[in-house]
Amino acid sequence: MPILVKLKSCYILWYGFYQTLNKNSKYTLGQKIDLIFIETIELVSIAVFLSKEEKLPYIRKAIQKTDTLKVLLMILWEIKALDNKKYTVLSEPLSEIGKMLGGWHGQLIKQNSPEKSGEK
C-alpha cells in the first residue's frame, strides 16, 4: 500500500530528527509527535485489512492525526527546535500523506454511499 510506504519513510526521517532534538523538546513535543506518528501508522495498517464499510472511522482518525502532526511539527519549527530544512523535509511528505488519506476517504464515501448500492 503506497500510503503505508510513504508513512513509514516519513517516520524514519522523523525518527532521525527526533534523536537530535534538545532535551526539553525531545521529551515533550518530540515524544508526542513520535507517538502520533506510530498511532497513524497503526490506524492505516488496520484500515488496509478491513472491509470497505469498516475502514472509514480509521481513515478519519488517521486524517485527524496527520493534521495534528502538521501543527505540532510547525510548533517545533516555530520554537526553533527543528530547523527549516528538517521542517520542509517532513512537511512535504506529510502533506502528500494528507492528500492520499483525503483521497482514500473520498473514495470510501462514494463506495459506501446509498446511491452506489442502489438504496435511497
PDB file of N, CA and C in Angstrom:
ATOM      1  N   MET A   1       0.852  -1.189   0.000  1.00  0.00           N
ATOM      2  CA  MET A   1       0.000   0.000   0.000  1.00  0.00           C
ATOM      3  C   MET A   1       0.889   1.240   0.000  1.00  0.00           C
ATOM      4  N   PRO A   2       0.769   2.082  -1.018  1.00  0.00           N
ATOM      5  CA  PRO A   2       1.649   3.260  -1.145  1.00  0.00           C
ATOM      6  C   PRO A   2       1.612   4.206   0.059  1.00  0.00           C
ATOM      7  N   ILE A   3       0.446   4.375   0.657  1.00  0.00           N
ATOM      8  CA  ILE A   3       0.364   5.298   1.789  1.00  0.00           C
ATOM      9  C   ILE A   3       1.176   4.784   2.983  1.00  0.00           C
ATOM     10  N   LEU A   4       1.173   3.475   3.190  1.00  0.00           N
ATOM     11  CA  LEU A   4       1.971   2.918   4.283  1.00  0.00           C
ATOM     12  C   LEU A   4       3.459   3.092   4.025  1.00  0.00           C
ATOM     13  N   VAL A   5       3.864   2.925   2.782  1.00  0.00           N
ATOM     14  CA  VAL A   5       5.275   3.124   2.416  1.00  0.00           C
ATOM     15  C   VAL A   5       5.674   4.574   2.684  1.00  0.00           C
ATOM     16  N   LYS A   6       4.814   5.505   2.277  1.00  0.00           N
ATOM     17  CA  LYS A   6       5.085   6.933   2.473  1.00  0.00           C
ATOM     18  C   LYS A   6       5.122   7.275   3.966  1.00  0.00           C
ATOM     19  N   LEU A   7       4.186   6.741   4.731  1.00  0.00           N
ATOM     20  CA  LEU A   7       4.161   6.970   6.176  1.00  0.00           C
ATOM     21  C   LEU A   7       5.419   6.426   6.848  1.00  0.00           C
ATOM     22  N   LYS A   8       5.804   5.226   6.469  1.00  0.00           N
ATOM     23  CA  LYS A   8       6.997   4.602   7.043  1.00  0.00           C
ATOM     24  C   LYS A   8       8.233   5.437   6.737  1.00  0.00           C
ATOM     25  N   SER A   9       8.376   5.866   5.493  1.00  0.00           N
ATOM     26  CA  SER A   9       9.526   6.692   5.101  1.00  0.00           C
ATOM     27  C   SER A   9       9.562   8.008   5.875  1.00  0.00           C
ATOM     28  N   CYS A  10       8.402   8.627   6.026  1.00  0.00           N
ATOM     29  CA  CYS A  10       8.310   9.889   6.755  1.00  0.00           C
ATOM     30  C   CYS A  10       8.662   9.664   8.232  1.00  0.00           C
ATOM     31  N   TYR A  11       8.190   8.574   8.796  1.00  0.00           N
ATOM     32  CA  TYR A  11       8.512   8.281  10.192  1.00  0.00           C
ATOM     33  C   TYR A  11      10.012   8.059  10.377  1.00  0.00           C
ATOM     34  N   ILE A  12      10.635   7.357   9.462  1.00  0.00           N
ATOM     35  CA  ILE A  12      12.076   7.108   9.564  1.00  0.00           C
ATOM     36  C   ILE A  12      12.846   8.436   9.534  1.00  0.00           C
ATOM     37  N   LEU A  13      12.423   9.357   8.667  1.00  0.00           N
ATOM     38  CA  LEU A  13      13.023  10.696   8.654  1.00  0.00           C
ATOM     39  C   LEU A  13      12.835  11.368  10.013  1.00  0.00           C
ATOM     40  N   TRP A  14      11.585  11.354  10.482  1.00  0.00           N
ATOM     41  CA  TRP A  14      11.276  11.964  11.769  1.00  0.00           C
ATOM     42  C   TRP A  14      12.133  11.352  12.874  1.00  0.00           C
ATOM     43  N   TYR A  15      12.250  10.044  12.898  1.00  0.00           N
ATOM     44  CA  TYR A  15      12.978   9.369  13.963  1.00  0.00           C
ATOM     45  C   TYR A  15      14.437   9.847  14.022  1.00  0.00           C
ATOM     46  N   GLY A  16      15.040  10.035  12.878  1.00  0.00           N
ATOM     47  CA  GLY A  16      16.406  10.566  12.836  1.00  0.00           C
ATOM     48  C   GLY A  16      16.478  11.965  13.422  1.00  0.00           C
ATOM     49  N   PHE A  17      15.505  12.800  13.093  1.00  0.00           N
ATOM     50  CA  PHE A  17      15.472  14.165  13.629  1.00  0.00           C
ATOM     51  C   PHE A  17      15.149  14.160  15.124  1.00  0.00           C
ATOM     52  N   TYR A  18      14.264  13.279  15.513  1.00  0.00           N
ATOM     53  CA  TYR A  18      13.841  13.152  16.908  1.00  0.00           C
ATOM     54  C   TYR A  18      15.038  12.883  17.814  1.00  0.00           C
ATOM     55  N   GLN A  19      15.943  12.057  17.350  1.00  0.00           N
ATOM     56  CA  GLN A  19      17.119  11.698  18.148  1.00  0.00           C
ATOM     57  C   GLN A  19      18.030  12.898  18.407  1.00  0.00           C
ATOM     58  N   THR A  20      17.951  13.922  17.558  1.00  0.00           N
ATOM     59  CA  THR A  20      18.848  15.077  17.692  1.00  0.00           C
ATOM     60  C   THR A  20      18.192  16.278  18.379  1.00  0.00           C
ATOM     61  N   LEU A  21      16.928  16.167  18.740  1.00  0.00           N
ATOM     62  CA  LEU A  21      16.251  17.284  19.418  1.00  0.00           C
ATOM     63  C   LEU A  21      16.890  17.543  20.781  1.00  0.00           C
ATOM     64  N   ASN A  22      16.837  18.798  21.216  1.00  0.00           N
ATOM     65  CA  ASN A  22      17.329  19.098  22.557  1.00  0.00           C
ATOM     66  C   ASN A  22      16.410  18.438  23.591  1.00  0.00           C
ATOM     67  N   LYS A  23      16.931  18.265  24.783  1.00  0.00           N
ATOM     68  CA  LYS A  23      16.216  17.526  25.833  1.00  0.00           C
ATOM     69  C   LYS A  23      14.808  18.046  26.099  1.00  0.00           C
ATOM     70  N   ASN A  24      14.687  19.361  26.202  1.00  0.00           N
ATOM     71  CA  ASN A  24      13.375  19.950  26.506  1.00  0.00           C
ATOM     72  C   ASN A  24      12.337  19.600  25.448  1.00  0.00           C
ATOM     73  N   SER A  25      12.714  19.715  24.188  1.00  0.00           N
ATOM     74  CA  SER A  25      11.774  19.440  23.100  1.00  0.00           C
ATOM     75  C   SER A  25      11.579  17.945  22.882  1.00  0.00           C
ATOM     76  N   LYS A  26      12.639  17.185  23.070  1.00  0.00           N
ATOM     77  CA  LYS A  26      12.577  15.744  22.814  1.00  0.00           C
ATOM     78  C   LYS A  26      11.562  15.058  23.727  1.00  0.00           C
ATOM     79  N   TYR A  27      11.539  15.442  24.980  1.00  0.00           N
ATOM     80  CA  TYR A  27      10.687  14.747  25.947  1.00  0.00           C
ATOM     81  C   TYR A  27       9.328  15.403  26.143  1.00  0.00           C
ATOM     82  N   THR A  28       9.011  16.373  25.326  1.00  0.00           N
ATOM     83  CA  THR A  28       7.674  16.981  25.377  1.00  0.00           C
ATOM     84  C   THR A  28       7.031  16.817  23.998  1.00  0.00           C
ATOM     85  N   LEU A  29       7.214  17.814  23.155  1.00  0.00           N
ATOM     86  CA  LEU A  29       6.639  17.768  21.807  1.00  0.00           C
ATOM     87  C   LEU A  29       7.165  16.585  21.003  1.00  0.00           C
ATOM     88  N   GLY A  30       8.447  16.324  21.109  1.00  0.00           N
ATOM     89  CA  GLY A  30       9.053  15.232  20.346  1.00  0.00           C
ATOM     90  C   GLY A  30       8.402  13.894  20.644  1.00  0.00           C
ATOM     91  N   GLN A  31       8.219  13.610  21.922  1.00  0.00           N
ATOM     92  CA  GLN A  31       7.574  12.338  22.308  1.00  0.00           C
ATOM     93  C   GLN A  31       6.151  12.263  21.795  1.00  0.00           C
ATOM     94  N   LYS A  32       5.433  13.366  21.887  1.00  0.00           N
ATOM     95  CA  LYS A  32       4.038  13.391  21.426  1.00  0.00           C
ATOM     96  C   LYS A  32       3.972  13.169  19.917  1.00  0.00           C
ATOM     97  N   ILE A  33       4.836  13.837  19.176  1.00  0.00           N
ATOM     98  CA  ILE A  33       4.867  13.671  17.723  1.00  0.00           C
ATOM     99  C   ILE A  33       5.205  12.225  17.372  1.00  0.00           C
ATOM    100  N   ASP A  34       6.175  11.662  18.064  1.00  0.00           N
ATOM    101  CA  ASP A  34       6.572  10.279  17.810  1.00  0.00           C
ATOM    102  C   ASP A  34       5.393   9.335  18.033  1.00  0.00           C
ATOM    103  N   LEU A  35       4.684   9.531  19.128  1.00  0.00           N
ATOM    104  CA  LEU A  35       3.523   8.693  19.439  1.00  0.00           C
ATOM    105  C   LEU A  35       2.435   8.832  18.379  1.00  0.00           C
ATOM    106  N   ILE A  36       2.171  10.042  17.935  1.00  0.00           N
ATOM    107  CA  ILE A  36       1.130  10.264  16.925  1.00  0.00           C
ATOM    108  C   ILE A  36       1.522   9.631  15.593  1.00  0.00           C
ATOM    109  N   PHE A  37       2.794   9.715  15.238  1.00  0.00           N
ATOM    110  CA  PHE A  37       3.263   9.040  14.023  1.00  0.00           C
ATOM    111  C   PHE A  37       2.958   7.547  14.111  1.00  0.00           C
ATOM    112  N   ILE A  38       3.313   6.942  15.231  1.00  0.00           N
ATOM    113  CA  ILE A  38       3.106   5.498  15.415  1.00  0.00           C
ATOM    114  C   ILE A  38       1.620   5.154  15.390  1.00  0.00           C
ATOM    115  N   GLU A  39       0.799   5.974  16.038  1.00  0.00           N
ATOM    116  CA  GLU A  39      -0.647   5.748  16.030  1.00  0.00           C
ATOM    117  C   GLU A  39      -1.227   5.849  14.616  1.00  0.00           C
ATOM    118  N   THR A  40      -0.715   6.792  13.834  1.00  0.00           N
ATOM    119  CA  THR A  40      -1.191   6.970  12.463  1.00  0.00           C
ATOM    120  C   THR A  40      -0.834   5.758  11.613  1.00  0.00           C
ATOM    121  N   ILE A  41       0.390   5.284  11.764  1.00  0.00           N
ATOM    122  CA  ILE A  41       0.811   4.081  11.047  1.00  0.00           C
ATOM    123  C   ILE A  41      -0.078   2.905  11.444  1.00  0.00           C
ATOM    124  N   GLU A  42      -0.373   2.802  12.712  1.00  0.00           N
ATOM    125  CA  GLU A  42      -1.236   1.720  13.194  1.00  0.00           C
ATOM    126  C   GLU A  42      -2.642   1.816  12.606  1.00  0.00           C
ATOM    127  N   LEU A  43      -3.210   3.008  12.599  1.00  0.00           N
ATOM    128  CA  LEU A  43      -4.562   3.201  12.053  1.00  0.00           C
ATOM    129  C   LEU A  43      -4.638   2.823  10.579  1.00  0.00           C
ATOM    130  N   VAL A  44      -3.660   3.261   9.812  1.00  0.00           N
ATOM    131  CA  VAL A  44      -3.647   2.953   8.378  1.00  0.00           C
ATOM    132  C   VAL A  44      -3.418   1.458   8.168  1.00  0.00           C
ATOM    133  N   SER A  45      -2.532   0.867   8.959  1.00  0.00           N
ATOM    134  CA  SER A  45      -2.265  -0.571   8.843  1.00  0.00           C
ATOM    135  C   SER A  45      -3.521  -1.392   9.124  1.00  0.00           C
ATOM    136  N   ILE A  46      -4.289  -0.988  10.090  1.00  0.00           N
ATOM    137  CA  ILE A  46      -5.533  -1.685  10.412  1.00  0.00           C
ATOM    138  C   ILE A  46      -6.543  -1.504   9.274  1.00  0.00           C
ATOM    139  N   ALA A  47      -6.681  -0.266   8.798  1.00  0.00           N
ATOM    140  CA  ALA A  47      -7.675   0.040   7.758  1.00  0.00           C
ATOM    141  C   ALA A  47      -7.429  -0.762   6.486  1.00  0.00           C
ATOM    142  N   VAL A  48      -6.187  -1.017   6.165  1.00  0.00           N
ATOM    143  CA  VAL A  48      -5.854  -1.751   4.938  1.00  0.00           C
ATOM    144  C   VAL A  48      -6.551  -3.106   4.902  1.00  0.00           C
ATOM    145  N   PHE A  49      -6.695  -3.747   6.045  1.00  0.00           N
ATOM    146  CA  PHE A  49      -7.222  -5.110   6.089  1.00  0.00           C
ATOM    147  C   PHE A  49      -8.703  -5.203   6.423  1.00  0.00           C
ATOM    148  N   LEU A  50      -9.359  -4.089   6.587  1.00  0.00           N
ATOM    149  CA  LEU A  50     -10.779  -4.102   6.917  1.00  0.00           C
ATOM    150  C   LEU A  50     -11.639  -4.052   5.658  1.00  0.00           C
ATOM    151  N   SER A  51     -12.903  -4.386   5.818  1.00  0.00           N
ATOM    152  CA  SER A  51     -13.838  -4.264   4.696  1.00  0.00           C
ATOM    153  C   SER A  51     -14.068  -2.779   4.420  1.00  0.00           C
ATOM    154  N   LYS A  52     -14.592  -2.484   3.230  1.00  0.00           N
ATOM    155  CA  LYS A  52     -14.827  -1.090   2.837  1.00  0.00           C
ATOM    156  C   LYS A  52     -15.677  -0.345   3.864  1.00  0.00           C
ATOM    157  N   GLU A  53     -16.669  -1.022   4.384  1.00  0.00           N
ATOM    158  CA  GLU A  53     -17.582  -0.390   5.342  1.00  0.00           C
ATOM    159  C   GLU A  53     -16.902  -0.076   6.667  1.00  0.00           C
ATOM    160  N   GLU A  54     -15.907  -0.857   7.047  1.00  0.00           N
ATOM    161  CA  GLU A  54     -15.257  -0.693   8.349  1.00  0.00           C
ATOM    162  C   GLU A  54     -14.070   0.274   8.312  1.00  0.00           C
ATOM    163  N   LYS A  55     -13.565   0.593   7.151  1.00  0.00           N
ATOM    164  CA  LYS A  55     -12.364   1.418   7.010  1.00  0.00           C
ATOM    165  C   LYS A  55     -12.553   2.875   7.426  1.00  0.00           C
ATOM    166  N   LEU A  56     -13.713   3.424   7.133  1.00  0.00           N
ATOM    167  CA  LEU A  56     -13.945   4.863   7.262  1.00  0.00           C
ATOM    168  C   LEU A  56     -13.538   5.471   8.612  1.00  0.00           C
ATOM    169  N   PRO A  57     -13.942   4.913   9.745  1.00  0.00           N
ATOM    170  CA  PRO A  57     -13.549   5.536  11.018  1.00  0.00           C
ATOM    171  C   PRO A  57     -12.026   5.566  11.214  1.00  0.00           C
ATOM    172  N   TYR A  58     -11.337   4.558  10.726  1.00  0.00           N
ATOM    173  CA  TYR A  58      -9.886   4.510  10.865  1.00  0.00           C
ATOM    174  C   TYR A  58      -9.209   5.553   9.983  1.00  0.00           C
ATOM    175  N   ILE A  59      -9.738   5.727   8.794  1.00  0.00           N
ATOM    176  CA  ILE A  59      -9.177   6.725   7.886  1.00  0.00           C
ATOM    177  C   ILE A  59      -9.440   8.131   8.428  1.00  0.00           C
ATOM    178  N   ARG A  60     -10.635   8.363   8.952  1.00  0.00           N
ATOM    179  CA  ARG A  60     -10.933   9.679   9.540  1.00  0.00           C
ATOM    180  C   ARG A  60      -9.985   9.987  10.697  1.00  0.00           C
ATOM    181  N   LYS A  61      -9.765   9.011  11.534  1.00  0.00           N
ATOM    182  CA  LYS A  61      -8.866   9.197  12.681  1.00  0.00           C
ATOM    183  C   LYS A  61      -7.432   9.438  12.195  1.00  0.00           C
ATOM    184  N   ALA A  62      -7.002   8.731  11.158  1.00  0.00           N
ATOM    185  CA  ALA A  62      -5.662   8.917  10.605  1.00  0.00           C
ATOM    186  C   ALA A  62      -5.516  10.334  10.024  1.00  0.00           C
ATOM    187  N   ILE A  63      -6.572  10.850   9.415  1.00  0.00           N
ATOM    188  CA  ILE A  63      -6.551  12.219   8.895  1.00  0.00           C
ATOM    189  C   ILE A  63      -6.393  13.210  10.044  1.00  0.00           C
ATOM    190  N   GLN A  64      -7.139  12.992  11.118  1.00  0.00           N
ATOM    191  CA  GLN A  64      -7.031  13.866  12.292  1.00  0.00           C
ATOM    192  C   GLN A  64      -5.615  13.837  12.864  1.00  0.00           C
ATOM    193  N   LYS A  65      -5.053  12.648  12.952  1.00  0.00           N
ATOM    194  CA  LYS A  65      -3.699  12.501  13.498  1.00  0.00           C
ATOM    195  C   LYS A  65      -2.675  13.196  12.604  1.00  0.00           C
ATOM    196  N   THR A  66      -2.848  13.059  11.293  1.00  0.00           N
ATOM    197  CA  THR A  66      -1.924  13.696  10.351  1.00  0.00           C
ATOM    198  C   THR A  66      -2.003  15.213  10.474  1.00  0.00           C
ATOM    199  N   ASP A  67      -3.207  15.745  10.605  1.00  0.00           N
ATOM    200  CA  ASP A  67      -3.372  17.190  10.785  1.00  0.00           C
ATOM    201  C   ASP A  67      -2.709  17.651  12.089  1.00  0.00           C
ATOM    202  N   THR A  68      -2.851  16.860  13.128  1.00  0.00           N
ATOM    203  CA  THR A  68      -2.212  17.184  14.412  1.00  0.00           C
ATOM    204  C   THR A  68      -0.694  17.159  14.273  1.00  0.00           C
ATOM    205  N   LEU A  69      -0.180  16.176  13.561  1.00  0.00           N
ATOM    206  CA  LEU A  69       1.268  16.106  13.322  1.00  0.00           C
ATOM    207  C   LEU A  69       1.773  17.378  12.650  1.00  0.00           C
ATOM    208  N   LYS A  70       1.042  17.831  11.652  1.00  0.00           N
ATOM    209  CA  LYS A  70       1.445  19.039  10.932  1.00  0.00           C
ATOM    210  C   LYS A  70       1.536  20.237  11.878  1.00  0.00           C
ATOM    211  N   VAL A  71       0.549  20.379  12.745  1.00  0.00           N
ATOM    212  CA  VAL A  71       0.524  21.510  13.681  1.00  0.00           C
ATOM    213  C   VAL A  71       1.664  21.393  14.695  1.00  0.00           C
ATOM    214  N   LEU A  72       1.851  20.210  15.258  1.00  0.00           N
ATOM    215  CA  LEU A  72       2.908  20.037  16.260  1.00  0.00           C
ATOM    216  C   LEU A  72       4.299  20.224  15.661  1.00  0.00           C
ATOM    217  N   LEU A  73       4.490  19.757  14.437  1.00  0.00           N
ATOM    218  CA  LEU A  73       5.778  19.980  13.773  1.00  0.00           C
ATOM    219  C   LEU A  73       6.002  21.466  13.506  1.00  0.00           C
ATOM    220  N   MET A  74       4.923  22.178  13.162  1.00  0.00           N
ATOM    221  CA  MET A  74       5.028  23.617  12.945  1.00  0.00           C
ATOM    222  C   MET A  74       5.438  24.317  14.248  1.00  0.00           C
ATOM    223  N   ILE A  75       4.873  23.895  15.351  1.00  0.00           N
ATOM    224  CA  ILE A  75       5.239  24.474  16.647  1.00  0.00           C
ATOM    225  C   ILE A  75       6.708  24.192  16.942  1.00  0.00           C
ATOM    226  N   LEU A  76       7.135  22.969  16.710  1.00  0.00           N
ATOM    227  CA  LEU A  76       8.530  22.592  16.937  1.00  0.00           C
ATOM    228  C   LEU A  76       9.461  23.473  16.092  1.00  0.00           C
ATOM    229  N   TRP A  77       9.054  23.751  14.866  1.00  0.00           N
ATOM    230  CA  TRP A  77       9.824  24.612  13.979  1.00  0.00           C
ATOM    231  C   TRP A  77       9.805  26.062  14.473  1.00  0.00           C
ATOM    232  N   GLU A  78       8.625  26.536  14.891  1.00  0.00           N
ATOM    233  CA  GLU A  78       8.495  27.923  15.346  1.00  0.00           C
ATOM    234  C   GLU A  78       9.296  28.199  16.610  1.00  0.00           C
ATOM    235  N   ILE A  79       9.456  27.194  17.462  1.00  0.00           N
ATOM    236  CA  ILE A  79      10.271  27.403  18.669  1.00  0.00           C
ATOM    237  C   ILE A  79      11.748  27.123  18.387  1.00  0.00           C
ATOM    238  N   LYS A  80      12.046  26.897  17.117  1.00  0.00           N
ATOM    239  CA  LYS A  80      13.409  26.699  16.616  1.00  0.00           C
ATOM    240  C   LYS A  80      14.074  25.425  17.146  1.00  0.00           C
ATOM    241  N   ALA A  81      13.257  24.441  17.485  1.00  0.00           N
ATOM    242  CA  ALA A  81      13.795  23.138  17.882  1.00  0.00           C
ATOM    243  C   ALA A  81      14.032  22.271  16.645  1.00  0.00           C
ATOM    244  N   LEU A  82      13.437  22.677  15.530  1.00  0.00           N
ATOM    245  CA  LEU A  82      13.586  21.971  14.256  1.00  0.00           C
ATOM    246  C   LEU A  82      13.944  23.038  13.209  1.00  0.00           C
ATOM    247  N   ASP A  83      15.050  22.840  12.506  1.00  0.00           N
ATOM    248  CA  ASP A  83      15.468  23.861  11.542  1.00  0.00           C
ATOM    249  C   ASP A  83      14.603  23.816  10.274  1.00  0.00           C
ATOM    250  N   ASN A  84      14.775  24.839   9.435  1.00  0.00           N
ATOM    251  CA  ASN A  84      13.962  24.985   8.223  1.00  0.00           C
ATOM    252  C   ASN A  84      14.034  23.765   7.324  1.00  0.00           C
ATOM    253  N   LYS A  85      15.245  23.268   7.097  1.00  0.00           N
ATOM    254  CA  LYS A  85      15.420  22.148   6.178  1.00  0.00           C
ATOM    255  C   LYS A  85      14.697  20.898   6.691  1.00  0.00           C
ATOM    256  N   LYS A  86      14.867  20.583   7.957  1.00  0.00           N
ATOM    257  CA  LYS A  86      14.217  19.399   8.539  1.00  0.00           C
ATOM    258  C   LYS A  86      12.697  19.549   8.508  1.00  0.00           C
ATOM    259  N   TYR A  87      12.233  20.751   8.809  1.00  0.00           N
ATOM    260  CA  TYR A  87      10.793  21.002   8.789  1.00  0.00           C
ATOM    261  C   TYR A  87      10.225  20.787   7.382  1.00  0.00           C
ATOM    262  N   THR A  88      10.928  21.301   6.387  1.00  0.00           N
ATOM    263  CA  THR A  88      10.488  21.152   5.000  1.00  0.00           C
ATOM    264  C   THR A  88      10.521  19.691   4.569  1.00  0.00           C
ATOM    265  N   VAL A  89      11.582  18.999   4.931  1.00  0.00           N
ATOM    266  CA  VAL A  89      11.735  17.591   4.557  1.00  0.00           C
ATOM    267  C   VAL A  89      10.606  16.741   5.153  1.00  0.00           C
ATOM    268  N   LEU A  90      10.106  17.110   6.315  1.00  0.00           N
ATOM    269  CA  LEU A  90       8.991  16.380   6.939  1.00  0.00           C
ATOM    270  C   LEU A  90       7.629  16.874   6.448  1.00  0.00           C
ATOM    271  N   SER A  91       7.508  18.157   6.232  1.00  0.00           N
ATOM    272  CA  SER A  91       6.210  18.733   5.855  1.00  0.00           C
ATOM    273  C   SER A  91       5.736  18.269   4.483  1.00  0.00           C
ATOM    274  N   GLU A  92       6.646  18.161   3.548  1.00  0.00           N
ATOM    275  CA  GLU A  92       6.255  17.789   2.186  1.00  0.00           C
ATOM    276  C   GLU A  92       5.632  16.391   2.126  1.00  0.00           C
ATOM    277  N   PRO A  93       6.287  15.350   2.671  1.00  0.00           N
ATOM    278  CA  PRO A  93       5.621  14.037   2.620  1.00  0.00           C
ATOM    279  C   PRO A  93       4.363  13.989   3.480  1.00  0.00           C
ATOM    280  N   LEU A  94       4.328  14.726   4.583  1.00  0.00           N
ATOM    281  CA  LEU A  94       3.112  14.750   5.404  1.00  0.00           C
ATOM    282  C   LEU A  94       1.949  15.359   4.640  1.00  0.00           C
ATOM    283  N   SER A  95       2.236  16.355   3.839  1.00  0.00           N
ATOM    284  CA  SER A  95       1.195  16.956   3.010  1.00  0.00           C
ATOM    285  C   SER A  95       0.687  15.938   1.985  1.00  0.00           C
ATOM    286  N   GLU A  96       1.595  15.204   1.381  1.00  0.00           N
ATOM    287  CA  GLU A  96       1.207  14.153   0.426  1.00  0.00           C
ATOM    288  C   GLU A  96       0.389  13.065   1.114  1.00  0.00           C
ATOM    289  N   ILE A  97       0.800  12.688   2.309  1.00  0.00           N
ATOM    290  CA  ILE A  97       0.068  11.667   3.073  1.00  0.00           C
ATOM    291  C   ILE A  97      -1.347  12.161   3.355  1.00  0.00           C
ATOM    292  N   GLY A  98      -1.475  13.427   3.731  1.00  0.00           N
ATOM    293  CA  GLY A  98      -2.795  14.013   3.973  1.00  0.00           C
ATOM    294  C   GLY A  98      -3.679  13.952   2.734  1.00  0.00           C
ATOM    295  N   LYS A  99      -3.093  14.248   1.578  1.00  0.00           N
ATOM    296  CA  LYS A  99      -3.851  14.184   0.321  1.00  0.00           C
ATOM    297  C   LYS A  99      -4.246  12.746  -0.002  1.00  0.00           C
ATOM    298  N   MET A 100      -3.342  11.812   0.235  1.00  0.00           N
ATOM    299  CA  MET A 100      -3.637  10.404  -0.023  1.00  0.00           C
ATOM    300  C   MET A 100      -4.770   9.921   0.888  1.00  0.00           C
ATOM    301  N   LEU A 101      -4.707  10.298   2.156  1.00  0.00           N
ATOM    302  CA  LEU A 101      -5.760   9.914   3.092  1.00  0.00           C
ATOM    303  C   LEU A 101      -7.092  10.556   2.697  1.00  0.00           C
ATOM    304  N   GLY A 102      -7.045  11.815   2.301  1.00  0.00           N
ATOM    305  CA  GLY A 102      -8.258  12.505   1.861  1.00  0.00           C
ATOM    306  C   GLY A 102      -8.865  11.844   0.634  1.00  0.00           C
ATOM    307  N   GLY A 103      -8.018  11.445  -0.299  1.00  0.00           N
ATOM    308  CA  GLY A 103      -8.500  10.743  -1.492  1.00  0.00           C
ATOM    309  C   GLY A 103      -9.114   9.403  -1.150  1.00  0.00           C
ATOM    310  N   TRP A 104      -8.467   8.680  -0.253  1.00  0.00           N
ATOM    311  CA  TRP A 104      -8.969   7.374   0.188  1.00  0.00           C
ATOM    312  C   TRP A 104     -10.315   7.554   0.875  1.00  0.00           C
ATOM    313  N   HIS A 105     -10.399   8.578   1.726  1.00  0.00           N
ATOM    314  CA  HIS A 105     -11.644   8.878   2.434  1.00  0.00           C
ATOM    315  C   HIS A 105     -12.767   9.179   1.440  1.00  0.00           C
ATOM    316  N   GLY A 106     -12.482  10.026   0.461  1.00  0.00           N
ATOM    317  CA  GLY A 106     -13.489  10.374  -0.544  1.00  0.00           C
ATOM    318  C   GLY A 106     -13.947   9.168  -1.349  1.00  0.00           C
ATOM    319  N   GLN A 107     -12.996   8.323  -1.681  1.00  0.00           N
ATOM    320  CA  GLN A 107     -13.310   7.102  -2.429  1.00  0.00           C
ATOM    321  C   GLN A 107     -14.216   6.186  -1.601  1.00  0.00           C
ATOM    322  N   LEU A 108     -13.921   6.054  -0.322  1.00  0.00           N
ATOM    323  CA  LEU A 108     -14.750   5.209   0.547  1.00  0.00           C
ATOM    324  C   LEU A 108     -16.153   5.775   0.712  1.00  0.00           C
ATOM    325  N   ILE A 109     -16.251   7.083   0.812  1.00  0.00           N
ATOM    326  CA  ILE A 109     -17.568   7.734   0.937  1.00  0.00           C
ATOM    327  C   ILE A 109     -18.408   7.395  -0.300  1.00  0.00           C
ATOM    328  N   LYS A 110     -17.799   7.521  -1.477  1.00  0.00           N
ATOM    329  CA  LYS A 110     -18.522   7.223  -2.719  1.00  0.00           C
ATOM    330  C   LYS A 110     -18.921   5.756  -2.778  1.00  0.00           C
ATOM    331  N   GLN A 111     -18.002   4.869  -2.411  1.00  0.00           N
ATOM    332  CA  GLN A 111     -18.274   3.429  -2.476  1.00  0.00           C
ATOM    333  C   GLN A 111     -19.332   3.003  -1.472  1.00  0.00           C
ATOM    334  N   ASN A 112     -19.401   3.686  -0.346  1.00  0.00           N
ATOM    335  CA  ASN A 112     -20.342   3.316   0.707  1.00  0.00           C
ATOM    336  C   ASN A 112     -21.637   4.111   0.674  1.00  0.00           C
ATOM    337  N   SER A 113     -21.779   4.986  -0.310  1.00  0.00           N
ATOM    338  CA  SER A 113     -22.990   5.811  -0.361  1.00  0.00           C
ATOM    339  C   SER A 113     -24.194   4.953  -0.744  1.00  0.00           C
ATOM    340  N   PRO A 114     -25.373   5.286  -0.203  1.00  0.00           N
ATOM    341  CA  PRO A 114     -26.585   4.517  -0.507  1.00  0.00           C
ATOM    342  C   PRO A 114     -26.895   4.472  -2.002  1.00  0.00           C
ATOM    343  N   GLU A 115     -26.609   5.554  -2.722  1.00  0.00           N
ATOM    344  CA  GLU A 115     -26.886   5.580  -4.162  1.00  0.00           C
ATOM    345  C   GLU A 115     -26.045   4.554  -4.902  1.00  0.00           C
ATOM    346  N   LYS A 116     -24.849   4.307  -4.429  1.00  0.00           N
ATOM    347  CA  LYS A 116     -23.947   3.359  -5.072  1.00  0.00           C
ATOM    348  C   LYS A 116     -24.489   1.932  -4.923  1.00  0.00           C
ATOM    349  N   SER A 117     -25.048   1.660  -3.786  1.00  0.00           N
ATOM    350  CA  SER A 117     -25.552   0.301  -3.543  1.00  0.00           C
ATOM    351  C   SER A 117     -27.006   0.129  -3.980  1.00  0.00           C
ATOM    352  N   GLY A 118     -27.603   1.159  -4.583  1.00  0.00           N
ATOM    353  CA  GLY A 118     -28.952   1.052  -5.108  1.00  0.00           C
ATOM    354  C   GLY A 118     -30.031   1.427  -4.115  1.00  0.00           C
ATOM    355  N   GLU A 119     -29.659   1.876  -2.919  1.00  0.00           N
ATOM    356  CA  GLU A 119     -30.646   2.269  -1.894  1.00  0.00           C
ATOM    357  C   GLU A 119     -30.934   3.752  -2.004  1.00  0.00           C
ATOM    358  N   LYS A 120     -32.089   4.150  -1.475  1.00  0.00           N
ATOM    359  CA  LYS A 120     -32.429   5.584  -1.419  1.00  0.00           C
ATOM    360  C   LYS A 120     -33.055   5.924  -0.112  1.00  0.00           C
TER     361      LYS A 120
END
